[in-house]
Protein backbone atom coordinates (compact mmCIF):
# COMPACT_ATOMS: atom_id res chain seq x y z
CA UNK A 1 127.50 162.41 163.80
CA UNK A 2 126.76 161.32 160.37
CA UNK A 3 128.21 158.21 159.09
CA UNK A 4 129.08 157.55 155.47
CA UNK A 5 128.27 154.77 153.07
CA UNK A 6 130.27 154.93 149.72
CA UNK A 7 128.65 152.99 146.86
CA UNK A 8 131.06 152.14 143.79
CA UNK A 9 130.29 150.03 140.70
CA UNK A 10 132.45 147.56 138.93
CA UNK A 11 132.60 145.28 135.89
CA UNK A 12 130.16 147.02 133.78
CA UNK A 13 128.13 150.35 133.93
CA UNK A 14 124.17 150.33 134.48
CA UNK A 15 124.17 147.72 137.04
CA UNK A 16 121.81 149.79 139.08
CA UNK A 17 123.88 151.69 141.67
CA UNK A 18 121.07 154.58 141.96
CA UNK A 19 118.68 151.95 142.59
CA UNK A 20 120.76 150.19 145.06
CA UNK A 21 121.66 153.33 146.92
CA UNK A 22 118.20 154.26 146.98
CA UNK A 23 116.89 151.24 148.27
CA UNK A 24 119.31 150.89 151.08
CA UNK A 25 118.34 154.44 151.91
CA UNK A 26 114.84 153.42 152.26
CA UNK A 27 115.84 150.43 154.35
CA UNK A 28 117.55 152.70 156.66
CA UNK A 29 114.78 154.88 156.96
CA UNK A 30 112.43 151.93 157.56
CA UNK A 31 114.57 151.27 160.66
CA UNK A 32 114.07 155.23 161.70
CA UNK A 33 117.25 156.68 160.82
CA UNK A 34 117.65 159.73 158.90
CA UNK A 35 119.34 159.54 155.54
CA UNK A 36 120.72 161.66 152.85
CA UNK A 37 121.93 160.71 149.46
CA UNK A 38 124.38 162.26 146.94
CA UNK A 39 125.68 161.54 143.47
CA UNK A 40 129.40 162.26 142.14
CA UNK A 41 129.50 162.15 138.51
CA UNK A 42 132.76 161.90 136.87
CA UNK A 43 132.01 163.54 133.41
CA UNK A 44 133.17 167.00 132.32
CA UNK A 45 129.88 168.58 131.94
CA UNK A 46 129.16 171.19 134.61
CA UNK A 47 125.86 169.47 134.72
CA UNK A 48 123.58 167.14 132.70
CA UNK A 49 121.51 170.21 131.51
CA UNK A 50 122.84 170.35 127.89
CA UNK A 51 123.33 166.56 127.45
CA UNK A 52 121.12 164.63 125.07
CA UNK A 53 118.54 162.54 126.78
CA UNK A 54 119.55 159.69 124.32
CA UNK A 55 122.95 159.56 125.81
CA UNK A 56 122.23 160.46 129.53
CA UNK A 57 118.72 159.77 129.99
CA UNK A 58 116.44 162.49 131.68
CA UNK A 59 117.58 165.63 133.41
CA UNK A 60 115.92 165.70 136.84
CA UNK A 61 115.35 168.92 138.34
CA UNK A 62 115.34 169.83 142.17
CA UNK A 63 113.08 172.54 143.83
CA UNK A 64 116.07 174.81 143.94
CA UNK A 65 116.87 174.94 140.32
CA UNK A 66 119.53 172.36 139.89
CA UNK A 67 119.85 170.13 136.76
CA UNK A 68 120.96 166.68 138.01
CA UNK A 69 121.39 163.07 137.09
CA UNK A 70 118.42 160.87 137.10
CA UNK A 71 119.38 158.90 140.13
CA UNK A 72 118.29 161.79 142.38
CA UNK A 73 114.87 161.08 141.00
CA UNK A 74 115.24 157.47 142.52
CA UNK A 75 116.71 158.95 145.85
CA UNK A 76 113.56 161.17 146.22
CA UNK A 77 111.03 158.58 145.13
CA UNK A 78 112.45 156.01 147.43
CA UNK A 79 113.08 158.20 150.49
CA UNK A 80 110.48 161.21 150.04
CA UNK A 81 113.53 163.52 150.80
CA UNK A 82 113.74 166.48 148.37
CA UNK A 83 117.23 166.51 146.71
CA UNK A 84 118.92 169.93 146.35
CA UNK A 85 121.82 171.34 144.19
CA UNK A 86 124.12 170.15 146.95
CA UNK A 87 123.34 166.41 146.20
CA UNK A 88 124.95 166.12 142.90
CA UNK A 89 128.29 167.10 141.46
CA UNK A 90 130.26 166.53 138.33
CA UNK A 91 133.89 166.82 137.63
CA UNK A 92 133.16 169.80 135.39
CA UNK A 93 131.44 171.64 138.33
CA UNK A 94 134.37 171.09 140.67
CA UNK A 95 136.87 172.24 138.09
CA UNK A 96 134.91 175.32 137.22
CA UNK A 97 134.91 176.32 141.04
CA UNK A 98 138.54 175.28 141.38
CA UNK A 99 139.54 177.44 138.36
CA UNK A 100 137.58 180.36 139.31
CA UNK A 101 139.46 180.17 142.91
CA UNK A 102 142.75 180.14 141.01
CA UNK A 103 141.91 183.13 138.87
CA UNK A 104 140.96 185.15 141.87
CA UNK A 105 144.28 184.10 143.62
CA UNK A 106 142.55 182.49 146.28
CA UNK A 107 145.36 179.67 146.16
CA UNK A 108 148.06 182.33 147.17
CA UNK A 109 150.35 181.29 144.32
CA UNK A 110 150.26 177.54 145.15
CA UNK A 111 150.54 175.00 142.12
CA UNK A 112 146.91 173.80 141.85
CA UNK A 113 146.81 169.92 141.51
CA UNK A 114 144.48 167.10 141.65
CA UNK A 115 145.76 166.09 144.99
CA UNK A 116 145.12 167.89 147.19
CA UNK A 117 142.91 170.57 145.78
CA UNK A 118 140.63 168.54 143.71
CA UNK A 119 140.15 165.83 146.10
CA UNK A 120 139.80 168.39 148.94
CA UNK A 121 136.74 170.17 146.78
CA UNK A 122 135.31 166.60 146.40
CA UNK A 123 135.65 165.80 150.29
CA UNK A 124 134.20 169.05 151.26
CA UNK A 125 131.27 168.51 148.88
CA UNK A 126 130.42 165.15 150.34
CA UNK A 127 130.74 166.30 154.12
CA UNK A 128 129.05 169.71 153.86
CA UNK A 129 125.44 170.06 155.41
CA UNK A 130 124.88 166.70 156.97
CA UNK A 131 124.27 167.65 160.70
CA UNK A 132 120.62 166.59 160.57
CA UNK A 133 121.16 163.23 159.06
CA UNK A 134 122.22 159.85 160.44
CA UNK A 135 123.60 158.22 157.23
CA UNK A 136 124.90 159.91 154.02
CA UNK A 137 124.90 157.57 151.01
CA UNK A 138 127.28 158.66 148.32
CA UNK A 139 127.22 156.99 144.93
CA UNK A 140 130.13 157.29 142.69
CA UNK A 141 129.14 157.27 138.87
CA UNK A 142 130.87 155.28 136.45
CA UNK A 143 132.83 152.17 136.87
CA UNK A 144 136.17 151.50 138.88
CA UNK A 145 138.90 151.84 136.71
CA UNK A 146 137.51 154.62 134.56
CA UNK A 147 140.22 157.37 134.15
CA UNK A 148 137.77 160.20 135.08
CA UNK A 149 136.65 158.77 138.10
CA UNK A 150 140.11 158.45 139.87
CA UNK A 151 139.93 161.62 141.67
CA UNK A 152 136.53 160.67 143.16
CA UNK A 153 137.75 157.31 144.47
CA UNK A 154 140.88 158.70 145.80
CA UNK A 155 138.58 161.32 147.63
CA UNK A 156 136.63 158.54 149.33
CA UNK A 157 139.77 156.93 149.97
CA UNK A 158 141.12 159.72 151.93
CA UNK A 159 137.72 160.11 153.63
CA UNK A 160 138.05 156.47 155.08
CA UNK A 161 141.19 157.64 156.98
CA UNK A 162 140.01 161.05 158.10
CA UNK A 163 136.36 160.28 159.43
CA UNK A 164 136.30 158.99 162.91
CA UNK A 165 137.19 155.12 163.28
CA UNK A 166 133.89 153.18 161.94
CA UNK A 167 132.68 156.31 160.25
CA UNK A 168 132.75 154.95 156.80
CA UNK A 169 131.60 151.77 154.96
CA UNK A 170 132.36 150.78 151.40
CA UNK A 171 129.82 148.81 149.10
CA UNK A 172 130.76 147.68 145.85
CA UNK A 173 128.32 146.52 143.28
CA UNK A 174 129.48 144.13 140.64
CA UNK A 175 128.14 141.75 138.02
CA UNK A 176 128.24 137.84 138.28
CA UNK A 177 127.67 136.69 134.82
CA UNK A 178 126.20 133.36 133.80
CA UNK A 179 127.95 131.57 130.88
CA UNK A 180 125.48 129.32 129.38
CA UNK A 181 128.08 127.05 127.51
CA UNK A 182 129.74 126.26 130.77
CA UNK A 183 126.50 126.34 132.65
CA UNK A 184 128.18 128.30 135.41
CA UNK A 185 128.00 131.59 137.25
CA UNK A 186 131.34 133.51 136.92
CA UNK A 187 133.17 135.06 140.04
CA UNK A 188 136.08 136.26 138.17
CA UNK A 189 135.02 139.65 136.88
CA UNK A 190 134.14 140.42 140.39
CA UNK A 191 137.54 139.35 141.89
CA UNK A 192 139.34 141.58 139.19
CA UNK A 193 137.00 144.64 139.86
CA UNK A 194 137.66 144.28 143.41
CA UNK A 195 141.41 143.81 142.63
CA UNK A 196 141.19 147.17 140.89
CA UNK A 197 139.34 148.99 143.70
CA UNK A 198 142.13 147.74 146.26
CA UNK A 199 144.81 148.68 143.91
CA UNK A 200 143.70 152.33 144.69
CA UNK A 201 143.50 151.89 148.35
CA UNK A 202 139.81 150.93 148.95
CA UNK A 203 139.01 147.64 150.46
CA UNK A 204 135.11 146.86 150.09
CA UNK A 205 133.09 145.94 153.14
CA UNK A 206 130.34 144.71 151.49
CA UNK A 207 129.90 142.99 147.82
CA UNK A 208 126.41 143.59 146.35
CA UNK A 209 126.57 140.99 143.48
CA UNK A 210 124.02 141.39 140.69
CA UNK A 211 122.98 137.93 139.30
CA UNK A 212 120.23 136.73 137.17
CA UNK A 213 119.85 133.37 139.32
CA UNK A 214 120.63 132.49 142.77
CA UNK A 215 124.35 132.24 143.59
CA UNK A 216 125.35 128.99 145.02
CA UNK A 217 126.98 129.13 148.68
CA UNK A 218 130.34 127.77 147.29
CA UNK A 219 130.46 130.79 144.60
CA UNK A 220 129.92 133.03 147.86
CA UNK A 221 132.50 131.68 149.69
CA UNK A 222 134.97 131.95 146.82
CA UNK A 223 134.29 135.85 146.37
CA UNK A 224 134.60 136.07 150.09
CA UNK A 225 137.92 134.18 150.14
CA UNK A 226 139.46 136.08 146.93
CA UNK A 227 138.14 139.63 147.67
CA UNK A 228 138.84 139.68 151.28
CA UNK A 229 135.05 140.14 152.24
CA UNK A 230 133.11 138.53 155.12
CA UNK A 231 130.94 135.68 153.43
CA UNK A 232 127.86 137.13 155.30
CA UNK A 233 128.65 140.40 153.42
CA UNK A 234 128.58 138.89 149.79
CA UNK A 235 124.97 139.80 149.27
CA UNK A 236 123.11 138.62 146.11
CA UNK A 237 120.92 141.07 144.04
CA UNK A 238 118.83 139.22 141.89
CA UNK A 239 116.46 140.81 139.31
CA UNK A 240 113.10 141.71 140.52
CA UNK A 241 109.73 142.33 138.56
CA UNK A 242 109.62 146.08 139.81
CA UNK A 243 112.16 148.39 141.33
CA UNK A 244 109.99 148.90 144.22
CA UNK A 245 110.64 145.19 145.31
CA UNK A 246 114.19 146.06 145.65
CA UNK A 247 114.07 147.22 149.41
CA UNK A 248 112.34 144.12 150.12
CA UNK A 249 114.56 141.94 148.37
CA UNK A 250 117.72 143.55 149.90
CA UNK A 251 116.30 143.10 153.32
CA UNK A 252 115.61 139.41 152.84
CA UNK A 253 119.24 139.01 151.76
CA UNK A 254 120.53 141.10 154.88
CA UNK A 255 122.02 144.14 153.15
CA UNK A 256 120.82 146.43 155.80
CA UNK A 257 121.74 144.14 158.66
CA UNK A 258 125.17 143.83 157.30
CA UNK A 259 125.71 147.60 156.85
CA UNK A 260 124.72 148.19 160.21
CA UNK A 261 126.83 145.42 161.60
CA UNK A 262 129.65 147.04 159.59
CA UNK A 263 129.18 150.36 161.69
CA UNK A 264 128.97 148.29 164.64
CA UNK A 265 125.24 149.08 165.28
CA UNK A 266 123.94 145.85 166.83
CA UNK A 267 121.14 145.37 167.90
CA UNK A 268 119.41 147.94 165.36
CA UNK A 269 115.78 148.78 165.39
CA UNK A 270 113.68 146.32 163.34
CA UNK A 271 112.40 147.98 159.86
CA UNK A 272 108.80 148.86 159.16
CA UNK A 273 108.34 147.65 155.62
CA UNK A 274 104.50 147.60 155.48
CA UNK A 275 104.20 150.40 152.85
CA UNK A 276 106.53 148.87 150.45
CA UNK A 277 104.68 145.58 150.57
CA UNK A 278 101.40 147.60 150.07
CA UNK A 279 103.14 149.31 146.93
CA UNK A 280 104.54 145.96 145.60
CA UNK A 281 101.01 144.25 146.04
CA UNK A 282 99.41 147.12 144.21
CA UNK A 283 101.60 146.43 141.29
CA UNK A 284 101.54 142.66 141.37
CA UNK A 285 97.82 142.40 141.68
CA UNK A 286 95.96 144.93 139.59
CA UNK A 287 92.22 144.88 139.10
CA UNK A 288 92.76 146.00 135.57
CA UNK A 289 94.82 147.64 132.64
CA UNK A 290 95.09 150.53 130.59
CA UNK A 291 97.13 151.51 127.79
CA UNK A 292 98.59 154.91 127.54
CA UNK A 293 100.41 156.18 124.41
CA UNK A 294 103.44 158.19 125.13
CA UNK A 295 104.04 160.24 122.02
CA UNK A 296 107.70 161.62 122.08
CA UNK A 297 111.04 161.93 120.29
CA UNK A 298 113.41 159.98 122.55
CA UNK A 299 111.32 156.73 122.72
CA UNK A 300 114.25 154.68 121.72
CA UNK A 301 115.71 155.45 125.29
CA UNK A 302 113.24 154.87 128.00
CA UNK A 303 115.52 156.32 130.63
CA UNK A 304 114.89 159.72 128.77
CA UNK A 305 111.51 159.45 130.46
CA UNK A 306 112.43 157.84 133.74
CA UNK A 307 110.37 160.06 135.99
CA UNK A 308 107.48 160.10 133.89
CA UNK A 309 107.21 156.14 133.63
CA UNK A 310 107.15 156.00 137.27
CA UNK A 311 104.55 158.41 137.90
CA UNK A 312 102.28 156.85 135.39
CA UNK A 313 102.99 153.69 137.36
CA UNK A 314 102.11 155.75 140.70
CA UNK A 315 98.76 156.82 139.01
CA UNK A 316 98.31 152.98 138.18
CA UNK A 317 98.80 152.09 141.86
CA UNK A 318 96.37 154.83 143.14
CA UNK A 319 93.58 153.44 140.77
CA UNK A 320 94.46 149.69 141.35
CA UNK A 321 95.29 149.20 137.54
CA UNK A 322 98.55 148.12 135.48
CA UNK A 323 99.58 151.00 133.17
CA UNK A 324 100.65 149.56 129.92
CA UNK A 325 102.76 152.11 127.96
CA UNK A 326 102.73 152.23 124.06
CA UNK A 327 105.73 154.15 122.94
CA UNK A 328 105.37 155.98 119.60
CA UNK A 329 107.85 158.02 117.74
CA UNK A 330 106.14 161.53 116.90
CA UNK A 331 107.64 161.72 113.69
CA UNK A 332 105.52 158.72 112.46
CA UNK A 333 102.40 160.81 112.47
CA UNK A 334 103.91 163.32 110.02
CA UNK A 335 103.96 160.53 107.27
CA UNK A 336 101.14 158.34 108.53
CA UNK A 337 97.69 158.54 109.72
CA UNK A 338 97.70 158.77 113.54
CA UNK A 339 94.20 156.73 113.76
CA UNK A 340 95.82 153.03 113.85
CA UNK A 341 98.16 154.11 116.50
CA UNK A 342 95.73 156.01 118.60
CA UNK A 343 92.11 154.69 118.39
CA UNK A 344 92.56 151.72 120.76
CA UNK A 345 94.45 153.38 123.41
CA UNK A 346 92.90 154.94 126.87
CA UNK A 347 94.92 158.07 127.02
CA UNK A 348 97.46 159.97 125.24
CA UNK A 349 100.46 161.79 126.93
CA UNK A 350 103.07 164.18 125.14
CA UNK A 351 105.91 164.78 127.36
CA UNK A 352 108.46 167.48 127.28
CA UNK A 353 111.05 167.69 124.79
CA UNK A 354 113.28 170.21 122.76
CA UNK A 355 113.45 171.10 119.05
CA UNK A 356 111.59 170.98 115.81
CA UNK A 357 112.05 167.22 115.11
CA UNK A 358 108.78 165.48 115.48
CA UNK A 359 106.81 168.84 116.73
CA UNK A 360 104.00 168.37 114.01
CA UNK A 361 103.48 164.79 114.93
CA UNK A 362 102.89 165.70 118.44
CA UNK A 363 100.40 168.47 117.33
CA UNK A 364 98.55 165.71 115.52
CA UNK A 365 98.35 163.61 118.62
CA UNK A 366 96.77 166.43 120.50
CA UNK A 367 94.41 166.95 117.67
CA UNK A 368 93.42 163.41 117.72
CA UNK A 369 92.83 163.40 121.36
CA UNK A 370 90.86 166.59 121.02
CA UNK A 371 88.61 165.52 118.15
CA UNK A 372 88.20 161.75 119.56
CA UNK A 373 87.62 162.59 123.21
CA UNK A 374 90.71 160.86 124.37
CA UNK A 375 92.14 161.87 127.79
CA UNK A 376 95.33 163.87 126.85
CA UNK A 377 98.17 165.02 129.33
CA UNK A 378 100.57 167.59 127.64
CA UNK A 379 103.72 168.28 129.74
CA UNK A 380 105.71 171.39 129.03
CA UNK A 381 106.45 171.11 125.41
CA UNK A 382 103.21 168.65 124.93
CA UNK A 383 101.19 171.70 126.40
CA UNK A 384 102.64 174.14 124.03
CA UNK A 385 102.07 171.79 121.17
CA UNK A 386 98.37 171.37 122.39
CA UNK A 387 98.00 175.28 122.56
CA UNK A 388 99.45 175.60 118.81
CA UNK A 389 96.87 173.01 117.79
CA UNK A 390 94.08 174.92 119.33
CA UNK A 391 95.22 177.98 117.93
CA UNK A 392 95.32 176.55 114.30
CA UNK A 393 92.09 174.54 114.70
CA UNK A 394 89.94 176.32 117.10
CA UNK A 395 90.79 180.03 117.05
CA UNK A 396 91.71 180.48 113.47
CA UNK A 397 95.29 181.27 113.85
CA UNK A 398 96.27 179.10 110.77
CA UNK A 399 100.05 179.94 111.01
CA UNK A 400 100.48 179.32 114.79
CA UNK A 401 104.07 178.28 115.65
CA UNK A 402 106.79 178.61 118.01
CA UNK A 403 109.90 180.65 117.88
CA UNK A 404 111.92 177.82 119.20
CA UNK A 405 111.56 176.43 115.60
CA UNK A 406 112.70 179.97 113.81
CA UNK A 407 110.92 183.08 112.95
CA UNK A 408 106.92 182.55 113.14
CA UNK A 409 104.34 184.61 111.60
CA UNK A 410 102.14 183.97 114.65
CA UNK A 411 104.26 182.91 117.67
CA UNK A 412 101.84 181.52 119.89
CA UNK A 413 104.80 180.11 121.66
CA UNK A 414 107.99 182.25 122.29
CA UNK A 415 111.12 182.44 124.29
CA UNK A 416 110.95 184.08 127.70
CA UNK A 417 113.58 186.84 128.10
CA UNK A 418 112.37 187.90 131.79
CA UNK A 419 110.52 186.45 134.61
CA UNK A 420 110.03 186.79 138.40
CA UNK A 421 111.71 184.42 140.77
CA UNK A 422 110.61 185.56 144.10
CA UNK A 423 111.30 189.24 144.30
CA UNK A 424 114.16 189.19 141.63
CA UNK A 425 113.73 189.68 138.11
CA UNK A 426 115.39 186.71 136.04
CA UNK A 427 116.77 188.04 132.68
CA UNK A 428 117.96 185.87 129.60
CA UNK A 429 119.41 186.80 126.22
CA UNK A 430 117.77 184.81 122.97
CA UNK A 431 121.53 183.95 121.86
CA UNK A 432 122.96 183.47 125.40
CA UNK A 433 124.45 180.22 126.70
CA UNK A 434 122.12 177.10 126.82
CA UNK A 435 123.34 175.65 130.04
CA UNK A 436 121.46 176.55 133.24
CA UNK A 437 119.70 179.34 131.87
CA UNK A 438 116.14 178.11 131.52
CA UNK A 439 113.27 178.80 134.09
CA UNK A 440 114.46 176.14 136.45
CA UNK A 441 113.04 174.87 139.83
CA UNK A 442 110.04 175.32 141.88
CA UNK A 443 107.48 178.03 141.14
CA UNK A 444 104.33 178.79 142.30
CA UNK A 445 101.15 179.01 140.24
CA UNK A 446 97.57 180.36 140.66
CA UNK A 447 94.93 177.98 139.49
CA UNK A 448 91.16 179.30 138.64
CA UNK A 449 88.57 178.40 141.31
CA UNK A 450 86.34 175.64 139.95
CA UNK A 451 88.55 174.60 137.11
CA UNK A 452 89.24 170.89 136.46
CA UNK A 453 92.88 171.41 137.44
CA UNK A 454 91.87 173.15 140.75
CA UNK A 455 89.54 170.62 141.55
CA UNK A 456 92.11 167.69 141.00
CA UNK A 457 94.70 169.47 143.33
CA UNK A 458 92.11 170.42 145.85
CA UNK A 459 93.64 173.80 145.99
CA UNK A 460 94.22 176.98 144.08
CA UNK A 461 97.83 177.68 144.96
CA UNK A 462 100.44 175.10 143.87
CA UNK A 463 104.16 174.88 143.52
CA UNK A 464 105.63 172.77 140.73
CA UNK A 465 109.09 172.46 139.15
CA UNK A 466 109.94 173.97 135.90
CA UNK A 467 112.56 173.28 133.14
CA UNK A 468 111.68 175.44 129.79
CA UNK A 469 113.00 178.23 127.88
CA UNK A 470 109.97 179.10 125.87
CA UNK A 471 106.47 180.20 126.96
CA UNK A 472 102.97 180.33 125.76
CA UNK A 473 102.45 183.86 124.40
CA UNK A 474 99.52 185.18 126.62
CA UNK A 475 98.81 187.69 123.84
CA UNK A 476 96.61 184.94 122.21
CA UNK A 477 94.79 183.95 125.44
CA UNK A 478 91.53 185.76 124.65
CA UNK A 479 91.25 184.25 121.31
CA UNK A 480 92.01 180.68 122.67
CA UNK A 481 89.64 180.98 125.79
CA UNK A 482 86.84 182.28 123.20
CA UNK A 483 87.69 179.05 121.29
CA UNK A 484 87.19 176.67 124.20
CA UNK A 485 90.83 176.50 125.76
CA UNK A 486 90.79 177.82 129.14
CA UNK A 487 93.89 179.16 130.70
CA UNK A 488 93.19 177.61 133.93
CA UNK A 489 96.56 178.42 135.64
CA UNK A 490 98.76 181.56 135.73
CA UNK A 491 101.81 182.70 137.37
CA UNK A 492 101.04 184.73 140.60
CA UNK A 493 101.91 188.13 138.54
CA UNK A 494 99.43 186.89 135.86
CA UNK A 495 102.20 187.14 133.12
CA UNK A 496 103.11 183.37 132.36
CA UNK A 497 100.50 180.82 131.47
CA UNK A 498 101.01 177.57 133.71
CA UNK A 499 98.08 175.34 132.88
CA UNK A 500 95.48 175.03 130.07
CA UNK A 501 92.31 172.79 129.70
CA UNK A 502 89.73 172.19 127.21
CA UNK A 503 86.32 172.96 128.45
CA UNK A 504 84.22 170.27 126.26
CA UNK A 505 86.42 167.46 126.85
CA UNK A 506 86.43 164.45 129.13
CA UNK A 507 89.98 165.22 130.14
CA UNK A 508 92.29 167.32 128.36
CA UNK A 509 95.06 169.29 130.34
CA UNK A 510 98.23 170.82 129.61
CA UNK A 511 100.81 172.17 132.09
CA UNK A 512 104.05 174.08 131.47
CA UNK A 513 106.05 172.46 134.33
CA UNK A 514 106.80 168.92 135.12
CA UNK A 515 104.71 167.25 137.83
CA UNK A 516 106.13 163.87 137.23
CA UNK A 517 109.35 165.06 139.38
CA UNK A 518 107.30 165.26 142.42
CA UNK A 519 105.15 162.00 142.32
CA UNK A 520 106.03 159.08 144.74
CA UNK A 521 104.82 155.52 144.98
CA UNK A 522 103.31 156.30 148.29
CA UNK A 523 102.03 159.71 147.16
CA UNK A 524 100.99 159.61 143.55
CA UNK A 525 100.89 163.17 141.84
CA UNK A 526 97.23 164.25 141.76
CA UNK A 527 97.39 164.94 137.89
CA UNK A 528 98.63 161.57 137.30
CA UNK A 529 96.21 159.76 139.39
CA UNK A 530 93.38 161.74 137.80
CA UNK A 531 94.83 161.22 134.21
CA UNK A 532 95.08 157.56 134.89
CA UNK A 533 91.50 157.52 136.30
CA UNK A 534 90.39 159.25 133.24
CA UNK A 535 91.82 156.52 131.04
CA UNK A 536 90.37 153.86 133.12
CA UNK A 537 86.76 155.39 132.38
CA UNK A 538 87.70 155.50 128.61
CA UNK A 539 89.08 151.88 128.55
CA UNK A 540 85.50 151.10 129.52
CA UNK A 541 84.15 152.91 126.50
CA UNK A 542 86.56 151.47 123.89
């Protein structure tokens, strides 16, 4: 029987509930338990697919094609368990399904209300499909007191009563701010947050308290007294140098021990944390450093590239080097010479993105990498810009462009209107809805034997996650290959270009998919490991 752990947040947002949930899941795994993590998001969007990365961060894509919250990326990286569309739900998706049922008459004329219909839908989502796990960790997005989150809090309150006795534990993550003028850590914000939580019927079993310095025992006793929580269950969550140190830090503070005790599991199997220590040691004690330029359009908010940042760090771990990231807004290159920005970096990466803004700057970055033999990694949009650059500079297609930006005289990149998903034909209209209409999720690709990318993967058949609406036009393939750009990976039917690479270059690869989504600290994605290795070799020459 699955046991449920509900993680809520208070005081302020962005305290790190996703990392806390992931780290606790990893600790339970280290003790031999099977875990599953789920995220409940209170916003009204059906999914984050149409939300701006500058507001919400990256969109994480699962194998089954769901566009989800970025915290699911943390869940996968910490536990290694692939997430699915059933691991993230929003208020918008719940209401969409409920309204569809009401229109069909499924409620038999009943008045449809938040309680019980919305809360029942949330509970059904939380409970579904957990037969093969020991613990289900459920993170509730937002902060206690948010109006839009109330149905979710009510649903988990009801579950606390409906599950078998001892079947649910509540963890509340709060902030303990330090006031410099007073020279004190303050407990009052946590007290008020717990008071708000208790007012809706939820008594936390464990307090996980974020602080920038150790919490004195007297303040812990105070929080224990006023929040009605055992003193041993007031766990300090101090800042750490790397997120991969969080499981180790939380174990030292006794979080996993306290959770198991709250479930009455005592004694519990001892955790095996050796691999976490190896990862942290690799990050703390690198043998060198390389600088990678990230040329993008969302560089003002690093969460827009969360999986990418982590995948590059994983590539650094595998090569025993620290990867330093140089964030460059691509629009700068449309006004200034890229050379002063790029001539000292060891590698250039152009990530995914949408829209015309900054596209010419990304094309210039690809040109610099090609001409100066700098390792180049183009992901999704970054591959498309590299192909347009090669078409213009190498293949003589001077007006090469993308129909994403409007009518193009030479549509080297164009919108996809149909493609195969398994044995079914997927079709899209160019003027159709934006949400959920891209080529999403895991698709297989066939790599050319003997190509650089096939050698990196060690196989010619791969499966990677996609999220794109536009595709390189294979009508230009012959001209581009004659000019030196090899189409080294194609969809199994041979219709959709998946990877390209330059033949006469130390390391120049573009991929239409998002390999960063499948990288793990214990299993760095081979493309990132190889790219960082090429950057290391380049750094020796600079």
